[in-house]
Amino acid sequence: MFTHLTVGANDIEASRKFYDAALGALGIPEGTLDTHGRYWWRTPRGAFAITRPLNGEPACHANGGTIGFHARDAAAVKAFHEAGLAAGGTAIEDPPGPRTGPFGTLELAYLRDPSGNKICAMHRVG
């Protein structure tokens, strides 16, 4: 459905380090810098980017917003969480693990990146 997602970052290099680690744990190659100072992580399905806000204001996170990344299995969900924590992320919500609800059982892990953006890794169990 989406071609790309972009979030603001106040410290672009701290955020790059965080996303290289967290997304790398999901098998996504390191981000690449474009001519506008944005980092992009690309897959055959789409792209994710971090940027300093173009209006010069500080980056802020969306209250109530979450960006979810696909994980191939439960081990990748856990690796995403551990790598993100080690690279400056903050653990939020419940610890990584299964949650059962109206969409079946999902393996989930939630983090905040260095600029406060809420992200998660998700694997659909069944």
PDB file of N, CA and C in Angstrom:
ATOM      1  N   MET A   1       0.803  -1.187   0.000  1.00  0.00           N
ATOM      2  CA  MET A   1       0.000   0.000   0.000  1.00  0.00           C
ATOM      3  C   MET A   1       0.855   1.265   0.000  1.00  0.00           C
ATOM      4  N   PHE A   2       1.947   1.260   0.748  1.00  0.00           N
ATOM      5  CA  PHE A   2       2.783   2.458   0.856  1.00  0.00           C
ATOM      6  C   PHE A   2       4.044   2.307   0.017  1.00  0.00           C
ATOM      7  N   THR A   3       4.503   3.418  -0.555  1.00  0.00           N
ATOM      8  CA  THR A   3       5.756   3.405  -1.297  1.00  0.00           C
ATOM      9  C   THR A   3       6.926   3.735  -0.395  1.00  0.00           C
ATOM     10  N   HIS A   4       6.673   4.638   0.590  1.00  0.00           N
ATOM     11  CA  HIS A   4       7.738   5.021   1.510  1.00  0.00           C
ATOM     12  C   HIS A   4       7.142   5.697   2.746  1.00  0.00           C
ATOM     13  N   LEU A   5       7.936   5.718   3.800  1.00  0.00           N
ATOM     14  CA  LEU A   5       7.619   6.435   5.030  1.00  0.00           C
ATOM     15  C   LEU A   5       8.852   7.229   5.413  1.00  0.00           C
ATOM     16  N   THR A   6       8.632   8.435   5.922  1.00  0.00           N
ATOM     17  CA  THR A   6       9.731   9.290   6.361  1.00  0.00           C
ATOM     18  C   THR A   6       9.400   9.830   7.742  1.00  0.00           C
ATOM     19  N   VAL A   7      10.388   9.821   8.644  1.00  0.00           N
ATOM     20  CA  VAL A   7      10.211  10.430   9.960  1.00  0.00           C
ATOM     21  C   VAL A   7      11.313  11.444  10.187  1.00  0.00           C
ATOM     22  N   GLY A   8      11.005  12.414  11.033  1.00  0.00           N
ATOM     23  CA  GLY A   8      11.988  13.429  11.380  1.00  0.00           C
ATOM     24  C   GLY A   8      12.988  12.919  12.394  1.00  0.00           C
ATOM     25  N   ALA A   9      14.191  13.460  12.330  1.00  0.00           N
ATOM     26  CA  ALA A   9      15.258  13.096  13.259  1.00  0.00           C
ATOM     27  C   ALA A   9      16.005  14.360  13.666  1.00  0.00           C
ATOM     28  N   ASN A  10      16.209  14.536  14.962  1.00  0.00           N
ATOM     29  CA  ASN A  10      16.966  15.695  15.441  1.00  0.00           C
ATOM     30  C   ASN A  10      18.467  15.458  15.360  1.00  0.00           C
ATOM     31  N   ASP A  11      18.894  14.257  15.651  1.00  0.00           N
ATOM     32  CA  ASP A  11      20.304  13.882  15.532  1.00  0.00           C
ATOM     33  C   ASP A  11      20.364  12.799  14.454  1.00  0.00           C
ATOM     34  N   ILE A  12      20.629  13.199  13.239  1.00  0.00           N
ATOM     35  CA  ILE A  12      20.540  12.298  12.088  1.00  0.00           C
ATOM     36  C   ILE A  12      21.490  11.115  12.212  1.00  0.00           C
ATOM     37  N   GLU A  13      22.680  11.325  12.755  1.00  0.00           N
ATOM     38  CA  GLU A  13      23.641  10.224  12.876  1.00  0.00           C
ATOM     39  C   GLU A  13      23.258   9.250  13.988  1.00  0.00           C
ATOM     40  N   ALA A  14      22.733   9.742  15.104  1.00  0.00           N
ATOM     41  CA  ALA A  14      22.251   8.836  16.155  1.00  0.00           C
ATOM     42  C   ALA A  14      21.086   8.005  15.635  1.00  0.00           C
ATOM     43  N   SER A  15      20.202   8.636  14.879  1.00  0.00           N
ATOM     44  CA  SER A  15      19.067   7.913  14.302  1.00  0.00           C
ATOM     45  C   SER A  15      19.525   6.925  13.244  1.00  0.00           C
ATOM     46  N   ARG A  16      20.510   7.284  12.440  1.00  0.00           N
ATOM     47  CA  ARG A  16      21.043   6.355  11.437  1.00  0.00           C
ATOM     48  C   ARG A  16      21.608   5.116  12.110  1.00  0.00           C
ATOM     49  N   LYS A  17      22.388   5.332  13.165  1.00  0.00           N
ATOM     50  CA  LYS A  17      22.973   4.214  13.901  1.00  0.00           C
ATOM     51  C   LYS A  17      21.872   3.303  14.451  1.00  0.00           C
ATOM     52  N   PHE A  18      20.854   3.904  15.039  1.00  0.00           N
ATOM     53  CA  PHE A  18      19.732   3.147  15.585  1.00  0.00           C
ATOM     54  C   PHE A  18      19.049   2.319  14.500  1.00  0.00           C
ATOM     55  N   TYR A  19      18.682   2.947  13.384  1.00  0.00           N
ATOM     56  CA  TYR A  19      17.958   2.225  12.324  1.00  0.00           C
ATOM     57  C   TYR A  19      18.842   1.217  11.601  1.00  0.00           C
ATOM     58  N   ASP A  20      20.119   1.518  11.427  1.00  0.00           N
ATOM     59  CA  ASP A  20      21.009   0.497  10.847  1.00  0.00           C
ATOM     60  C   ASP A  20      20.992  -0.761  11.704  1.00  0.00           C
ATOM     61  N   ALA A  21      21.020  -0.594  13.022  1.00  0.00           N
ATOM     62  CA  ALA A  21      21.026  -1.746  13.928  1.00  0.00           C
ATOM     63  C   ALA A  21      19.670  -2.442  13.955  1.00  0.00           C
ATOM     64  N   ALA A  22      18.607  -1.698  14.236  1.00  0.00           N
ATOM     65  CA  ALA A  22      17.280  -2.305  14.386  1.00  0.00           C
ATOM     66  C   ALA A  22      16.789  -2.914  13.077  1.00  0.00           C
ATOM     67  N   LEU A  23      16.904  -2.182  11.987  1.00  0.00           N
ATOM     68  CA  LEU A  23      16.441  -2.719  10.697  1.00  0.00           C
ATOM     69  C   LEU A  23      17.396  -3.777  10.168  1.00  0.00           C
ATOM     70  N   GLY A  24      18.683  -3.645  10.480  1.00  0.00           N
ATOM     71  CA  GLY A  24      19.647  -4.679  10.091  1.00  0.00           C
ATOM     72  C   GLY A  24      19.291  -6.023  10.707  1.00  0.00           C
ATOM     73  N   ALA A  25      18.750  -6.004  11.937  1.00  0.00           N
ATOM     74  CA  ALA A  25      18.319  -7.245  12.584  1.00  0.00           C
ATOM     75  C   ALA A  25      17.151  -7.890  11.851  1.00  0.00           C
ATOM     76  N   LEU A  26      16.445  -7.105  11.028  1.00  0.00           N
ATOM     77  CA  LEU A  26      15.347  -7.636  10.216  1.00  0.00           C
ATOM     78  C   LEU A  26      15.805  -8.009   8.806  1.00  0.00           C
ATOM     79  N   GLY A  27      17.108  -7.883   8.554  1.00  0.00           N
ATOM     80  CA  GLY A  27      17.650  -8.239   7.248  1.00  0.00           C
ATOM     81  C   GLY A  27      17.626  -7.111   6.236  1.00  0.00           C
ATOM     82  N   ILE A  28      17.405  -5.884   6.679  1.00  0.00           N
ATOM     83  CA  ILE A  28      17.364  -4.727   5.783  1.00  0.00           C
ATOM     84  C   ILE A  28      18.754  -4.105   5.728  1.00  0.00           C
ATOM     85  N   PRO A  29      19.281  -3.881   4.521  1.00  0.00           N
ATOM     86  CA  PRO A  29      20.630  -3.294   4.394  1.00  0.00           C
ATOM     87  C   PRO A  29      20.735  -1.912   5.041  1.00  0.00           C
ATOM     88  N   GLU A  30      21.965  -1.525   5.367  1.00  0.00           N
ATOM     89  CA  GLU A  30      22.219  -0.209   5.977  1.00  0.00           C
ATOM     90  C   GLU A  30      21.643   0.914   5.129  1.00  0.00           C
ATOM     91  N   GLY A  31      21.307   2.007   5.806  1.00  0.00           N
ATOM     92  CA  GLY A  31      20.774   3.174   5.117  1.00  0.00           C
ATOM     93  C   GLY A  31      21.827   3.850   4.263  1.00  0.00           C
ATOM     94  N   THR A  32      21.360   4.523   3.202  1.00  0.00           N
ATOM     95  CA  THR A  32      22.259   5.278   2.330  1.00  0.00           C
ATOM     96  C   THR A  32      21.864   6.751   2.361  1.00  0.00           C
ATOM     97  N   LEU A  33      22.863   7.596   2.358  1.00  0.00           N
ATOM     98  CA  LEU A  33      22.675   9.038   2.433  1.00  0.00           C
ATOM     99  C   LEU A  33      22.403   9.596   1.046  1.00  0.00           C
ATOM    100  N   ASP A  34      21.358  10.453   0.922  1.00  0.00           N
ATOM    101  CA  ASP A  34      21.102  11.098  -0.362  1.00  0.00           C
ATOM    102  C   ASP A  34      21.699  12.506  -0.367  1.00  0.00           C
ATOM    103  N   THR A  35      21.552  13.220  -1.451  1.00  0.00           N
ATOM    104  CA  THR A  35      22.155  14.548  -1.589  1.00  0.00           C
ATOM    105  C   THR A  35      21.476  15.602  -0.725  1.00  0.00           C
ATOM    106  N   HIS A  36      20.331  15.281  -0.124  1.00  0.00           N
ATOM    107  CA  HIS A  36      19.616  16.221   0.736  1.00  0.00           C
ATOM    108  C   HIS A  36      19.871  15.965   2.220  1.00  0.00           C
ATOM    109  N   GLY A  37      20.777  15.020   2.536  1.00  0.00           N
ATOM    110  CA  GLY A  37      21.098  14.725   3.920  1.00  0.00           C
ATOM    111  C   GLY A  37      20.141  13.765   4.601  1.00  0.00           C
ATOM    112  N   ARG A  38      19.332  13.038   3.807  1.00  0.00           N
ATOM    113  CA  ARG A  38      18.404  12.048   4.347  1.00  0.00           C
ATOM    114  C   ARG A  38      19.009  10.661   4.189  1.00  0.00           C
ATOM    115  N   TYR A  39      18.716   9.785   5.151  1.00  0.00           N
ATOM    116  CA  TYR A  39      19.113   8.380   5.029  1.00  0.00           C
ATOM    117  C   TYR A  39      17.900   7.569   4.605  1.00  0.00           C
ATOM    118  N   TRP A  40      18.132   6.607   3.684  1.00  0.00           N
ATOM    119  CA  TRP A  40      17.078   5.745   3.153  1.00  0.00           C
ATOM    120  C   TRP A  40      17.445   4.282   3.342  1.00  0.00           C
ATOM    121  N   TRP A  41      16.472   3.499   3.788  1.00  0.00           N
ATOM    122  CA  TRP A  41      16.582   2.041   3.851  1.00  0.00           C
ATOM    123  C   TRP A  41      15.570   1.504   2.844  1.00  0.00           C
ATOM    124  N   ARG A  42      16.057   0.721   1.888  1.00  0.00           N
ATOM    125  CA  ARG A  42      15.188   0.277   0.798  1.00  0.00           C
ATOM    126  C   ARG A  42      15.071  -1.235   0.756  1.00  0.00           C
ATOM    127  N   THR A  43      13.868  -1.681   0.396  1.00  0.00           N
ATOM    128  CA  THR A  43      13.596  -3.092   0.148  1.00  0.00           C
ATOM    129  C   THR A  43      12.806  -3.161  -1.155  1.00  0.00           C
ATOM    130  N   PRO A  44      12.604  -4.343  -1.710  1.00  0.00           N
ATOM    131  CA  PRO A  44      11.783  -4.448  -2.913  1.00  0.00           C
ATOM    132  C   PRO A  44      10.334  -3.990  -2.687  1.00  0.00           C
ATOM    133  N   ARG A  45       9.898  -3.941  -1.438  1.00  0.00           N
ATOM    134  CA  ARG A  45       8.516  -3.556  -1.126  1.00  0.00           C
ATOM    135  C   ARG A  45       8.335  -2.067  -0.849  1.00  0.00           C
ATOM    136  N   GLY A  46       9.392  -1.351  -0.534  1.00  0.00           N
ATOM    137  CA  GLY A  46       9.234   0.054  -0.206  1.00  0.00           C
ATOM    138  C   GLY A  46      10.482   0.623   0.437  1.00  0.00           C
ATOM    139  N   ALA A  47      10.345   1.838   0.955  1.00  0.00           N
ATOM    140  CA  ALA A  47      11.495   2.532   1.531  1.00  0.00           C
ATOM    141  C   ALA A  47      11.082   3.255   2.806  1.00  0.00           C
ATOM    142  N   PHE A  48      12.079   3.439   3.672  1.00  0.00           N
ATOM    143  CA  PHE A  48      11.918   4.166   4.922  1.00  0.00           C
ATOM    144  C   PHE A  48      13.052   5.177   4.988  1.00  0.00           C
ATOM    145  N   ALA A  49      12.757   6.398   5.465  1.00  0.00           N
ATOM    146  CA  ALA A  49      13.789   7.436   5.515  1.00  0.00           C
ATOM    147  C   ALA A  49      13.707   8.229   6.810  1.00  0.00           C
ATOM    148  N   ILE A  50      14.857   8.804   7.184  1.00  0.00           N
ATOM    149  CA  ILE A  50      14.926   9.783   8.263  1.00  0.00           C
ATOM    150  C   ILE A  50      15.476  11.072   7.675  1.00  0.00           C
ATOM    151  N   THR A  51      14.995  12.192   8.198  1.00  0.00           N
ATOM    152  CA  THR A  51      15.417  13.495   7.699  1.00  0.00           C
ATOM    153  C   THR A  51      15.299  14.537   8.798  1.00  0.00           C
ATOM    154  N   ARG A  52      16.105  15.550   8.714  1.00  0.00           N
ATOM    155  CA  ARG A  52      15.861  16.726   9.539  1.00  0.00           C
ATOM    156  C   ARG A  52      14.646  17.408   8.915  1.00  0.00           C
ATOM    157  N   PRO A  53      13.729  17.945   9.738  1.00  0.00           N
ATOM    158  CA  PRO A  53      12.558  18.602   9.156  1.00  0.00           C
ATOM    159  C   PRO A  53      12.968  19.729   8.206  1.00  0.00           C
ATOM    160  N   LEU A  54      12.312  19.759   7.069  1.00  0.00           N
ATOM    161  CA  LEU A  54      12.646  20.754   6.040  1.00  0.00           C
ATOM    162  C   LEU A  54      12.323  22.181   6.464  1.00  0.00           C
ATOM    163  N   ASN A  55      11.397  22.356   7.421  1.00  0.00           N
ATOM    164  CA  ASN A  55      11.042  23.701   7.869  1.00  0.00           C
ATOM    165  C   ASN A  55      11.993  24.253   8.927  1.00  0.00           C
ATOM    166  N   GLY A  56      13.019  23.466   9.302  1.00  0.00           N
ATOM    167  CA  GLY A  56      14.000  23.928  10.278  1.00  0.00           C
ATOM    168  C   GLY A  56      13.559  23.788  11.726  1.00  0.00           C
ATOM    169  N   GLU A  57      12.333  23.375  11.974  1.00  0.00           N
ATOM    170  CA  GLU A  57      11.834  23.171  13.334  1.00  0.00           C
ATOM    171  C   GLU A  57      12.351  21.833  13.866  1.00  0.00           C
ATOM    172  N   PRO A  58      12.339  21.631  15.183  1.00  0.00           N
ATOM    173  CA  PRO A  58      12.758  20.337  15.735  1.00  0.00           C
ATOM    174  C   PRO A  58      11.816  19.219  15.291  1.00  0.00           C
ATOM    175  N   ALA A  59      12.370  18.047  15.122  1.00  0.00           N
ATOM    176  CA  ALA A  59      11.551  16.874  14.810  1.00  0.00           C
ATOM    177  C   ALA A  59      10.759  16.488  16.054  1.00  0.00           C
ATOM    178  N   CYS A  60       9.552  16.005  15.845  1.00  0.00           N
ATOM    179  CA  CYS A  60       8.752  15.482  16.951  1.00  0.00           C
ATOM    180  C   CYS A  60       7.988  14.263  16.445  1.00  0.00           C
ATOM    181  N   HIS A  61       7.615  13.395  17.360  1.00  0.00           N
ATOM    182  CA  HIS A  61       6.930  12.162  16.972  1.00  0.00           C
ATOM    183  C   HIS A  61       5.422  12.372  16.930  1.00  0.00           C
ATOM    184  N   ALA A  62       4.765  11.501  16.218  1.00  0.00           N
ATOM    185  CA  ALA A  62       3.307  11.546  16.122  1.00  0.00           C
ATOM    186  C   ALA A  62       2.707  10.882  17.353  1.00  0.00           C
ATOM    187  N   ASN A  63       1.950  11.622  18.130  1.00  0.00           N
ATOM    188  CA  ASN A  63       1.303  11.056  19.306  1.00  0.00           C
ATOM    189  C   ASN A  63       0.199  10.114  18.832  1.00  0.00           C
ATOM    190  N   GLY A  64       0.343   8.834  19.133  1.00  0.00           N
ATOM    191  CA  GLY A  64      -0.615   7.834  18.671  1.00  0.00           C
ATOM    192  C   GLY A  64      -0.166   7.127  17.405  1.00  0.00           C
ATOM    193  N   GLY A  65       0.917   7.576  16.810  1.00  0.00           N
ATOM    194  CA  GLY A  65       1.412   6.966  15.578  1.00  0.00           C
ATOM    195  C   GLY A  65       2.423   5.869  15.850  1.00  0.00           C
ATOM    196  N   THR A  66       2.404   4.824  15.020  1.00  0.00           N
ATOM    197  CA  THR A  66       3.376   3.740  15.097  1.00  0.00           C
ATOM    198  C   THR A  66       3.736   3.322  13.687  1.00  0.00           C
ATOM    199  N   ILE A  67       4.995   3.049  13.449  1.00  0.00           N
ATOM    200  CA  ILE A  67       5.443   2.499  12.177  1.00  0.00           C
ATOM    201  C   ILE A  67       5.852   1.061  12.437  1.00  0.00           C
ATOM    202  N   GLY A  68       5.247   0.134  11.725  1.00  0.00           N
ATOM    203  CA  GLY A  68       5.520  -1.289  11.910  1.00  0.00           C
ATOM    204  C   GLY A  68       6.376  -1.847  10.795  1.00  0.00           C
ATOM    205  N   PHE A  69       7.377  -2.629  11.150  1.00  0.00           N
ATOM    206  CA  PHE A  69       8.263  -3.278  10.189  1.00  0.00           C
ATOM    207  C   PHE A  69       8.034  -4.787  10.231  1.00  0.00           C
ATOM    208  N   HIS A  70       7.979  -5.406   9.066  1.00  0.00           N
ATOM    209  CA  HIS A  70       7.787  -6.846   8.952  1.00  0.00           C
ATOM    210  C   HIS A  70       9.014  -7.593   9.456  1.00  0.00           C
ATOM    211  N   ALA A  71       8.768  -8.635  10.250  1.00  0.00           N
ATOM    212  CA  ALA A  71       9.829  -9.532  10.719  1.00  0.00           C
ATOM    213  C   ALA A  71       9.519 -10.935  10.210  1.00  0.00           C
ATOM    214  N   ARG A  72      10.544 -11.657   9.750  1.00  0.00           N
ATOM    215  CA  ARG A  72      10.335 -12.979   9.145  1.00  0.00           C
ATOM    216  C   ARG A  72       9.945 -14.047  10.160  1.00  0.00           C
ATOM    217  N   ASP A  73      10.305 -13.834  11.442  1.00  0.00           N
ATOM    218  CA  ASP A  73       9.978 -14.818  12.472  1.00  0.00           C
ATOM    219  C   ASP A  73      10.123 -14.162  13.844  1.00  0.00           C
ATOM    220  N   ALA A  74       9.776 -14.923  14.891  1.00  0.00           N
ATOM    221  CA  ALA A  74       9.834 -14.411  16.260  1.00  0.00           C
ATOM    222  C   ALA A  74      11.263 -14.045  16.676  1.00  0.00           C
ATOM    223  N   ALA A  75      12.233 -14.809  16.199  1.00  0.00           N
ATOM    224  CA  ALA A  75      13.632 -14.504  16.541  1.00  0.00           C
ATOM    225  C   ALA A  75      14.044 -13.145  15.987  1.00  0.00           C
ATOM    226  N   ALA A  76      13.566 -12.797  14.800  1.00  0.00           N
ATOM    227  CA  ALA A  76      13.890 -11.493  14.207  1.00  0.00           C
ATOM    228  C   ALA A  76      13.245 -10.364  15.009  1.00  0.00           C
ATOM    229  N   VAL A  77      12.046 -10.594  15.542  1.00  0.00           N
ATOM    230  CA  VAL A  77      11.390  -9.590  16.387  1.00  0.00           C
ATOM    231  C   VAL A  77      12.263  -9.301  17.607  1.00  0.00           C
ATOM    232  N   LYS A  78      12.724 -10.351  18.251  1.00  0.00           N
ATOM    233  CA  LYS A  78      13.577 -10.186  19.437  1.00  0.00           C
ATOM    234  C   LYS A  78      14.910  -9.525  19.074  1.00  0.00           C
ATOM    235  N   ALA A  79      15.520  -9.930  17.952  1.00  0.00           N
ATOM    236  CA  ALA A  79      16.795  -9.347  17.515  1.00  0.00           C
ATOM    237  C   ALA A  79      16.639  -7.858  17.214  1.00  0.00           C
ATOM    238  N   PHE A  80      15.529  -7.467  16.583  1.00  0.00           N
ATOM    239  CA  PHE A  80      15.214  -6.068  16.303  1.00  0.00           C
ATOM    240  C   PHE A  80      15.197  -5.269  17.607  1.00  0.00           C
ATOM    241  N   HIS A  81      14.508  -5.789  18.603  1.00  0.00           N
ATOM    242  CA  HIS A  81      14.377  -5.101  19.890  1.00  0.00           C
ATOM    243  C   HIS A  81      15.737  -4.959  20.574  1.00  0.00           C
ATOM    244  N   GLU A  82      16.493  -6.039  20.627  1.00  0.00           N
ATOM    245  CA  GLU A  82      17.813  -6.012  21.279  1.00  0.00           C
ATOM    246  C   GLU A  82      18.771  -5.080  20.558  1.00  0.00           C
ATOM    247  N   ALA A  83      18.789  -5.130  19.220  1.00  0.00           N
ATOM    248  CA  ALA A  83      19.686  -4.263  18.448  1.00  0.00           C
ATOM    249  C   ALA A  83      19.298  -2.802  18.607  1.00  0.00           C
ATOM    250  N   GLY A  84      18.008  -2.525  18.598  1.00  0.00           N
ATOM    251  CA  GLY A  84      17.549  -1.151  18.775  1.00  0.00           C
ATOM    252  C   GLY A  84      17.904  -0.594  20.142  1.00  0.00           C
ATOM    253  N   LEU A  85      17.740  -1.393  21.186  1.00  0.00           N
ATOM    254  CA  LEU A  85      18.119  -0.945  22.537  1.00  0.00           C
ATOM    255  C   LEU A  85      19.614  -0.656  22.615  1.00  0.00           C
ATOM    256  N   ALA A  86      20.417  -1.547  22.037  1.00  0.00           N
ATOM    257  CA  ALA A  86      21.867  -1.377  22.079  1.00  0.00           C
ATOM    258  C   ALA A  86      22.327  -0.155  21.297  1.00  0.00           C
ATOM    259  N   ALA A  87      21.507   0.292  20.349  1.00  0.00           N
ATOM    260  CA  ALA A  87      21.882   1.427  19.507  1.00  0.00           C
ATOM    261  C   ALA A  87      21.171   2.718  19.899  1.00  0.00           C
ATOM    262  N   GLY A  88      20.680   2.798  21.132  1.00  0.00           N
ATOM    263  CA  GLY A  88      20.134   4.061  21.629  1.00  0.00           C
ATOM    264  C   GLY A  88      18.629   4.161  21.662  1.00  0.00           C
ATOM    265  N   GLY A  89      17.912   3.084  21.352  1.00  0.00           N
ATOM    266  CA  GLY A  89      16.461   3.102  21.425  1.00  0.00           C
ATOM    267  C   GLY A  89      15.975   2.918  22.857  1.00  0.00           C
ATOM    268  N   THR A  90      14.690   3.128  23.061  1.00  0.00           N
ATOM    269  CA  THR A  90      14.068   2.988  24.372  1.00  0.00           C
ATOM    270  C   THR A  90      12.952   1.962  24.290  1.00  0.00           C
ATOM    271  N   ALA A  91      12.952   1.012  25.210  1.00  0.00           N
ATOM    272  CA  ALA A  91      11.894   0.003  25.267  1.00  0.00           C
ATOM    273  C   ALA A  91      10.600   0.662  25.734  1.00  0.00           C
ATOM    274  N   ILE A  92       9.507   0.306  25.080  1.00  0.00           N
ATOM    275  CA  ILE A  92       8.187   0.800  25.486  1.00  0.00           C
ATOM    276  C   ILE A  92       7.186  -0.344  25.406  1.00  0.00           C
ATOM    277  N   GLU A  93       6.061  -0.149  26.033  1.00  0.00           N
ATOM    278  CA  GLU A  93       4.968  -1.115  26.080  1.00  0.00           C
ATOM    279  C   GLU A  93       5.433  -2.424  26.716  1.00  0.00           C
ATOM    280  N   ASP A  94       4.779  -3.520  26.401  1.00  0.00           N
ATOM    281  CA  ASP A  94       5.139  -4.815  26.980  1.00  0.00           C
ATOM    282  C   ASP A  94       6.451  -5.309  26.387  1.00  0.00           C
ATOM    283  N   PRO A  95       7.133  -6.233  27.083  1.00  0.00           N
ATOM    284  CA  PRO A  95       8.344  -6.820  26.507  1.00  0.00           C
ATOM    285  C   PRO A  95       8.020  -7.541  25.200  1.00  0.00           C
ATOM    286  N   PRO A  96       9.019  -7.744  24.337  1.00  0.00           N
ATOM    287  CA  PRO A  96       8.778  -8.457  23.086  1.00  0.00           C
ATOM    288  C   PRO A  96       8.138  -9.819  23.349  1.00  0.00           C
ATOM    289  N   GLY A  97       7.202 -10.185  22.501  1.00  0.00           N
ATOM    290  CA  GLY A  97       6.565 -11.484  22.652  1.00  0.00           C
ATOM    291  C   GLY A  97       5.229 -11.550  21.955  1.00  0.00           C
ATOM    292  N   PRO A  98       4.539 -12.665  22.131  1.00  0.00           N
ATOM    293  CA  PRO A  98       3.265 -12.860  21.436  1.00  0.00           C
ATOM    294  C   PRO A  98       2.128 -12.091  22.094  1.00  0.00           C
ATOM    295  N   ARG A  99       1.207 -11.636  21.242  1.00  0.00           N
ATOM    296  CA  ARG A  99      -0.028 -11.003  21.703  1.00  0.00           C
ATOM    297  C   ARG A  99      -1.160 -11.552  20.838  1.00  0.00           C
ATOM    298  N   THR A 100      -2.211 -11.970  21.482  1.00  0.00           N
ATOM    299  CA  THR A 100      -3.346 -12.527  20.753  1.00  0.00           C
ATOM    300  C   THR A 100      -4.500 -11.544  20.822  1.00  0.00           C
ATOM    301  N   GLY A 101      -5.101 -11.290  19.666  1.00  0.00           N
ATOM    302  CA  GLY A 101      -6.219 -10.361  19.589  1.00  0.00           C
ATOM    303  C   GLY A 101      -7.074 -10.683  18.386  1.00  0.00           C
ATOM    304  N   PRO A 102      -7.843  -9.707  17.931  1.00  0.00           N
ATOM    305  CA  PRO A 102      -8.769  -9.943  16.826  1.00  0.00           C
ATOM    306  C   PRO A 102      -8.083 -10.303  15.502  1.00  0.00           C
ATOM    307  N   PHE A 103      -6.790 -10.036  15.384  1.00  0.00           N
ATOM    308  CA  PHE A 103      -6.050 -10.344  14.152  1.00  0.00           C
ATOM    309  C   PHE A 103      -5.247 -11.634  14.283  1.00  0.00           C
ATOM    310  N   GLY A 104      -5.510 -12.411  15.328  1.00  0.00           N
ATOM    311  CA  GLY A 104      -4.764 -13.637  15.557  1.00  0.00           C
ATOM    312  C   GLY A 104      -3.615 -13.378  16.507  1.00  0.00           C
ATOM    313  N   THR A 105      -2.613 -14.243  16.463  1.00  0.00           N
ATOM    314  CA  THR A 105      -1.440 -14.090  17.321  1.00  0.00           C
ATOM    315  C   THR A 105      -0.336 -13.392  16.544  1.00  0.00           C
ATOM    316  N   LEU A 106       0.169 -12.341  17.137  1.00  0.00           N
ATOM    317  CA  LEU A 106       1.250 -11.553  16.545  1.00  0.00           C
ATOM    318  C   LEU A 106       2.430 -11.558  17.498  1.00  0.00           C
ATOM    319  N   GLU A 107       3.612 -11.683  16.962  1.00  0.00           N
ATOM    320  CA  GLU A 107       4.848 -11.538  17.737  1.00  0.00           C
ATOM    321  C   GLU A 107       5.260 -10.080  17.549  1.00  0.00           C
ATOM    322  N   LEU A 108       5.345  -9.296  18.649  1.00  0.00           N
ATOM    323  CA  LEU A 108       5.571  -7.850  18.557  1.00  0.00           C
ATOM    324  C   LEU A 108       6.696  -7.384  19.468  1.00  0.00           C
ATOM    325  N   ALA A 109       7.368  -6.312  19.065  1.00  0.00           N
ATOM    326  CA  ALA A 109       8.347  -5.611  19.901  1.00  0.00           C
ATOM    327  C   ALA A 109       8.270  -4.132  19.558  1.00  0.00           C
ATOM    328  N   TYR A 110       8.161  -3.286  20.574  1.00  0.00           N
ATOM    329  CA  TYR A 110       8.028  -1.843  20.384  1.00  0.00           C
ATOM    330  C   TYR A 110       9.240  -1.101  20.939  1.00  0.00           C
ATOM    331  N   LEU A 111       9.643  -0.046  20.230  1.00  0.00           N
ATOM    332  CA  LEU A 111      10.744   0.825  20.641  1.00  0.00           C
ATOM    333  C   LEU A 111      10.416   2.272  20.302  1.00  0.00           C
ATOM    334  N   ARG A 112      11.098   3.184  20.960  1.00  0.00           N
ATOM    335  CA  ARG A 112      11.154   4.586  20.507  1.00  0.00           C
ATOM    336  C   ARG A 112      12.566   4.804  19.995  1.00  0.00           C
ATOM    337  N   ASP A 113      12.660   5.468  18.841  1.00  0.00           N
ATOM    338  CA  ASP A 113      13.967   5.776  18.271  1.00  0.00           C
ATOM    339  C   ASP A 113      14.566   6.978  19.005  1.00  0.00           C
ATOM    340  N   PRO A 114      15.790   7.408  18.681  1.00  0.00           N
ATOM    341  CA  PRO A 114      16.407   8.525  19.404  1.00  0.00           C
ATOM    342  C   PRO A 114      15.636   9.842  19.328  1.00  0.00           C
ATOM    343  N   SER A 115      14.735  10.012  18.346  1.00  0.00           N
ATOM    344  CA  SER A 115      13.929  11.231  18.257  1.00  0.00           C
ATOM    345  C   SER A 115      12.522  11.046  18.808  1.00  0.00           C
ATOM    346  N   GLY A 116      12.231   9.874  19.381  1.00  0.00           N
ATOM    347  CA  GLY A 116      10.932   9.634  20.001  1.00  0.00           C
ATOM    348  C   GLY A 116       9.895   8.977  19.118  1.00  0.00           C
ATOM    349  N   ASN A 117      10.229   8.649  17.862  1.00  0.00           N
ATOM    350  CA  ASN A 117       9.280   7.972  16.989  1.00  0.00           C
ATOM    351  C   ASN A 117       9.028   6.559  17.488  1.00  0.00           C
ATOM    352  N   LYS A 118       7.752   6.151  17.485  1.00  0.00           N
ATOM    353  CA  LYS A 118       7.379   4.804  17.949  1.00  0.00           C
ATOM    354  C   LYS A 118       7.401   3.844  16.765  1.00  0.00           C
ATOM    355  N   ILE A 119       8.190   2.768  16.904  1.00  0.00           N
ATOM    356  CA  ILE A 119       8.271   1.767  15.855  1.00  0.00           C
ATOM    357  C   ILE A 119       8.076   0.389  16.458  1.00  0.00           C
ATOM    358  N   CYS A 120       7.761  -0.563  15.604  1.00  0.00           N
ATOM    359  CA  CYS A 120       7.634  -1.934  16.079  1.00  0.00           C
ATOM    360  C   CYS A 120       8.049  -2.905  14.992  1.00  0.00           C
ATOM    361  N   ALA A 121       8.423  -4.100  15.426  1.00  0.00           N
ATOM    362  CA  ALA A 121       8.633  -5.219  14.516  1.00  0.00           C
ATOM    363  C   ALA A 121       7.501  -6.197  14.782  1.00  0.00           C
ATOM    364  N   MET A 122       6.953  -6.772  13.701  1.00  0.00           N
ATOM    365  CA  MET A 122       5.819  -7.667  13.830  1.00  0.00           C
ATOM    366  C   MET A 122       5.969  -8.892  12.948  1.00  0.00           C
ATOM    367  N   HIS A 123       5.676 -10.043  13.554  1.00  0.00           N
ATOM    368  CA  HIS A 123       5.585 -11.295  12.806  1.00  0.00           C
ATOM    369  C   HIS A 123       4.220 -11.896  13.099  1.00  0.00           C
ATOM    370  N   ARG A 124       3.473 -12.177  12.043  1.00  0.00           N
ATOM    371  CA  ARG A 124       2.149 -12.786  12.200  1.00  0.00           C
ATOM    372  C   ARG A 124       2.352 -14.290  12.380  1.00  0.00           C
ATOM    373  N   VAL A 125       1.966 -14.801  13.558  1.00  0.00           N
ATOM    374  CA  VAL A 125       2.185 -16.203  13.900  1.00  0.00           C
ATOM    375  C   VAL A 125       1.185 -17.102  13.191  1.00  0.00           C
ATOM    376  N   GLY A 126      -0.050 -16.722  13.163  1.00  0.00           N
ATOM    377  CA  GLY A 126      -1.042 -17.590  12.543  1.00  0.00           C
ATOM    378  C   GLY A 126      -2.271 -16.890  12.092  1.00  0.00           C
TER     379      GLY A 126
END
